[in-house]
Amino acid sequence: MAKISTDMLVGQIVNEYPELIDTLLEAGMHCLGCPSSQMESLEDACMVHGLNPVILAAALNKKLEEVNA
């Protein structure tokens, strides 16, 4: 079951799932320490970085499944 959704805040994802930081960085989301990332949804952050939020959420959920397997 998917845990990461596009409406989750980037700061929430980083705080609750630190194992996903590398996946976010590899996708081009280098703003994880930025104050605005704490209040920005994954969808909004993807829009700023030119990424598809649905694809990134799927990649994050896949990584969670791998880590928790």
C-alpha atoms as a PDB file:
ATOM      1  CA  MET A   1       0.000   0.000   0.000  1.00  0.00           C
ATOM      2  CA  ALA A   2       1.314   3.443  -0.937  1.00  0.00           C
ATOM      3  CA  LYS A   3       2.478   5.540   1.990  1.00  0.00           C
ATOM      4  CA  ILE A   4       3.779   8.529   0.065  1.00  0.00           C
ATOM      5  CA  SER A   5       1.253  10.715  -1.702  1.00  0.00           C
ATOM      6  CA  THR A   6       1.730  13.832  -3.792  1.00  0.00           C
ATOM      7  CA  ASP A   7      -0.053  15.998  -1.212  1.00  0.00           C
ATOM      8  CA  MET A   8       2.406  15.111   1.577  1.00  0.00           C
ATOM      9  CA  LEU A   9       4.811  17.836   2.639  1.00  0.00           C
ATOM     10  CA  VAL A  10       8.422  17.322   1.605  1.00  0.00           C
ATOM     11  CA  GLY A  11       9.506  18.043   5.190  1.00  0.00           C
ATOM     12  CA  GLN A  12       7.094  15.394   6.460  1.00  0.00           C
ATOM     13  CA  ILE A  13       8.477  12.803   4.029  1.00  0.00           C
ATOM     14  CA  VAL A  14      12.072  13.582   5.032  1.00  0.00           C
ATOM     15  CA  ASN A  15      11.275  13.481   8.754  1.00  0.00           C
ATOM     16  CA  GLU A  16       9.131  10.336   8.695  1.00  0.00           C
ATOM     17  CA  TYR A  17      11.089   8.429   6.035  1.00  0.00           C
ATOM     18  CA  PRO A  18      14.766   9.485   6.140  1.00  0.00           C
ATOM     19  CA  GLU A  19      15.584   6.400   4.075  1.00  0.00           C
ATOM     20  CA  LEU A  20      14.010   8.226   1.105  1.00  0.00           C
ATOM     21  CA  ILE A  21      16.394  11.197   1.167  1.00  0.00           C
ATOM     22  CA  ASP A  22      18.775   9.598  -1.363  1.00  0.00           C
ATOM     23  CA  THR A  23      15.878   8.871  -3.732  1.00  0.00           C
ATOM     24  CA  LEU A  24      14.712  12.484  -3.520  1.00  0.00           C
ATOM     25  CA  LEU A  25      18.244  13.784  -4.132  1.00  0.00           C
ATOM     26  CA  GLU A  26      18.747  11.420  -7.080  1.00  0.00           C
ATOM     27  CA  ALA A  27      15.503  12.714  -8.601  1.00  0.00           C
ATOM     28  CA  GLY A  28      16.899  16.247  -8.515  1.00  0.00           C
ATOM     29  CA  MET A  29      15.217  17.487  -5.371  1.00  0.00           C
ATOM     30  CA  HIS A  30      18.229  19.179  -3.779  1.00  0.00           C
ATOM     31  CA  CYS A  31      16.177  21.556  -1.645  1.00  0.00           C
ATOM     32  CA  LEU A  32      15.549  19.218   1.279  1.00  0.00           C
ATOM     33  CA  GLY A  33      17.195  21.550   3.785  1.00  0.00           C
ATOM     34  CA  CYS A  34      15.457  24.600   2.390  1.00  0.00           C
ATOM     35  CA  PRO A  35      12.954  26.168   4.819  1.00  0.00           C
ATOM     36  CA  SER A  36      10.255  26.227   2.137  1.00  0.00           C
ATOM     37  CA  SER A  37      10.498  22.440   1.714  1.00  0.00           C
ATOM     38  CA  GLN A  38       9.054  22.049   5.192  1.00  0.00           C
ATOM     39  CA  MET A  39       5.737  23.508   4.055  1.00  0.00           C
ATOM     40  CA  GLU A  40       5.748  22.533   0.379  1.00  0.00           C
ATOM     41  CA  SER A  41       3.846  19.513  -0.905  1.00  0.00           C
ATOM     42  CA  LEU A  42       5.624  16.920  -2.994  1.00  0.00           C
ATOM     43  CA  GLU A  43       3.423  17.974  -5.917  1.00  0.00           C
ATOM     44  CA  ASP A  44       4.375  21.652  -5.562  1.00  0.00           C
ATOM     45  CA  ALA A  45       8.076  20.837  -5.153  1.00  0.00           C
ATOM     46  CA  CYS A  46       7.969  18.661  -8.264  1.00  0.00           C
ATOM     47  CA  MET A  47       6.348  21.466 -10.216  1.00  0.00           C
ATOM     48  CA  VAL A  48       9.187  23.826  -9.202  1.00  0.00           C
ATOM     49  CA  HIS A  49      11.819  21.250 -10.198  1.00  0.00           C
ATOM     50  CA  GLY A  50      10.150  20.121 -13.428  1.00  0.00           C
ATOM     51  CA  LEU A  51       9.419  16.618 -12.139  1.00  0.00           C
ATOM     52  CA  ASN A  52       6.319  14.473 -12.462  1.00  0.00           C
ATOM     53  CA  PRO A  53       4.893  14.110  -8.924  1.00  0.00           C
ATOM     54  CA  VAL A  54       3.054  10.847  -9.667  1.00  0.00           C
ATOM     55  CA  ILE A  55       6.211   9.204 -10.981  1.00  0.00           C
ATOM     56  CA  LEU A  56       8.288  10.451  -8.042  1.00  0.00           C
ATOM     57  CA  ALA A  57       5.701   9.302  -5.490  1.00  0.00           C
ATOM     58  CA  ALA A  58       5.716   5.864  -7.138  1.00  0.00           C
ATOM     59  CA  ALA A  59       9.532   5.747  -6.972  1.00  0.00           C
ATOM     60  CA  LEU A  60       9.456   6.724  -3.301  1.00  0.00           C
ATOM     61  CA  ASN A  61       6.878   4.063  -2.500  1.00  0.00           C
ATOM     62  CA  LYS A  62       8.919   1.465  -4.407  1.00  0.00           C
ATOM     63  CA  LYS A  63      11.985   2.391  -2.372  1.00  0.00           C
ATOM     64  CA  LEU A  64       9.968   2.050   0.852  1.00  0.00           C
ATOM     65  CA  GLU A  65       8.844  -1.417  -0.201  1.00  0.00           C
ATOM     66  CA  GLU A  66      12.463  -2.418  -0.929  1.00  0.00           C
ATOM     67  CA  VAL A  67      13.709  -1.085   2.398  1.00  0.00           C
ATOM     68  CA  ASN A  68      10.911  -2.757   4.356  1.00  0.00           C
ATOM     69  CA  ALA A  69      11.098  -6.107   2.536  1.00  0.00           C
END
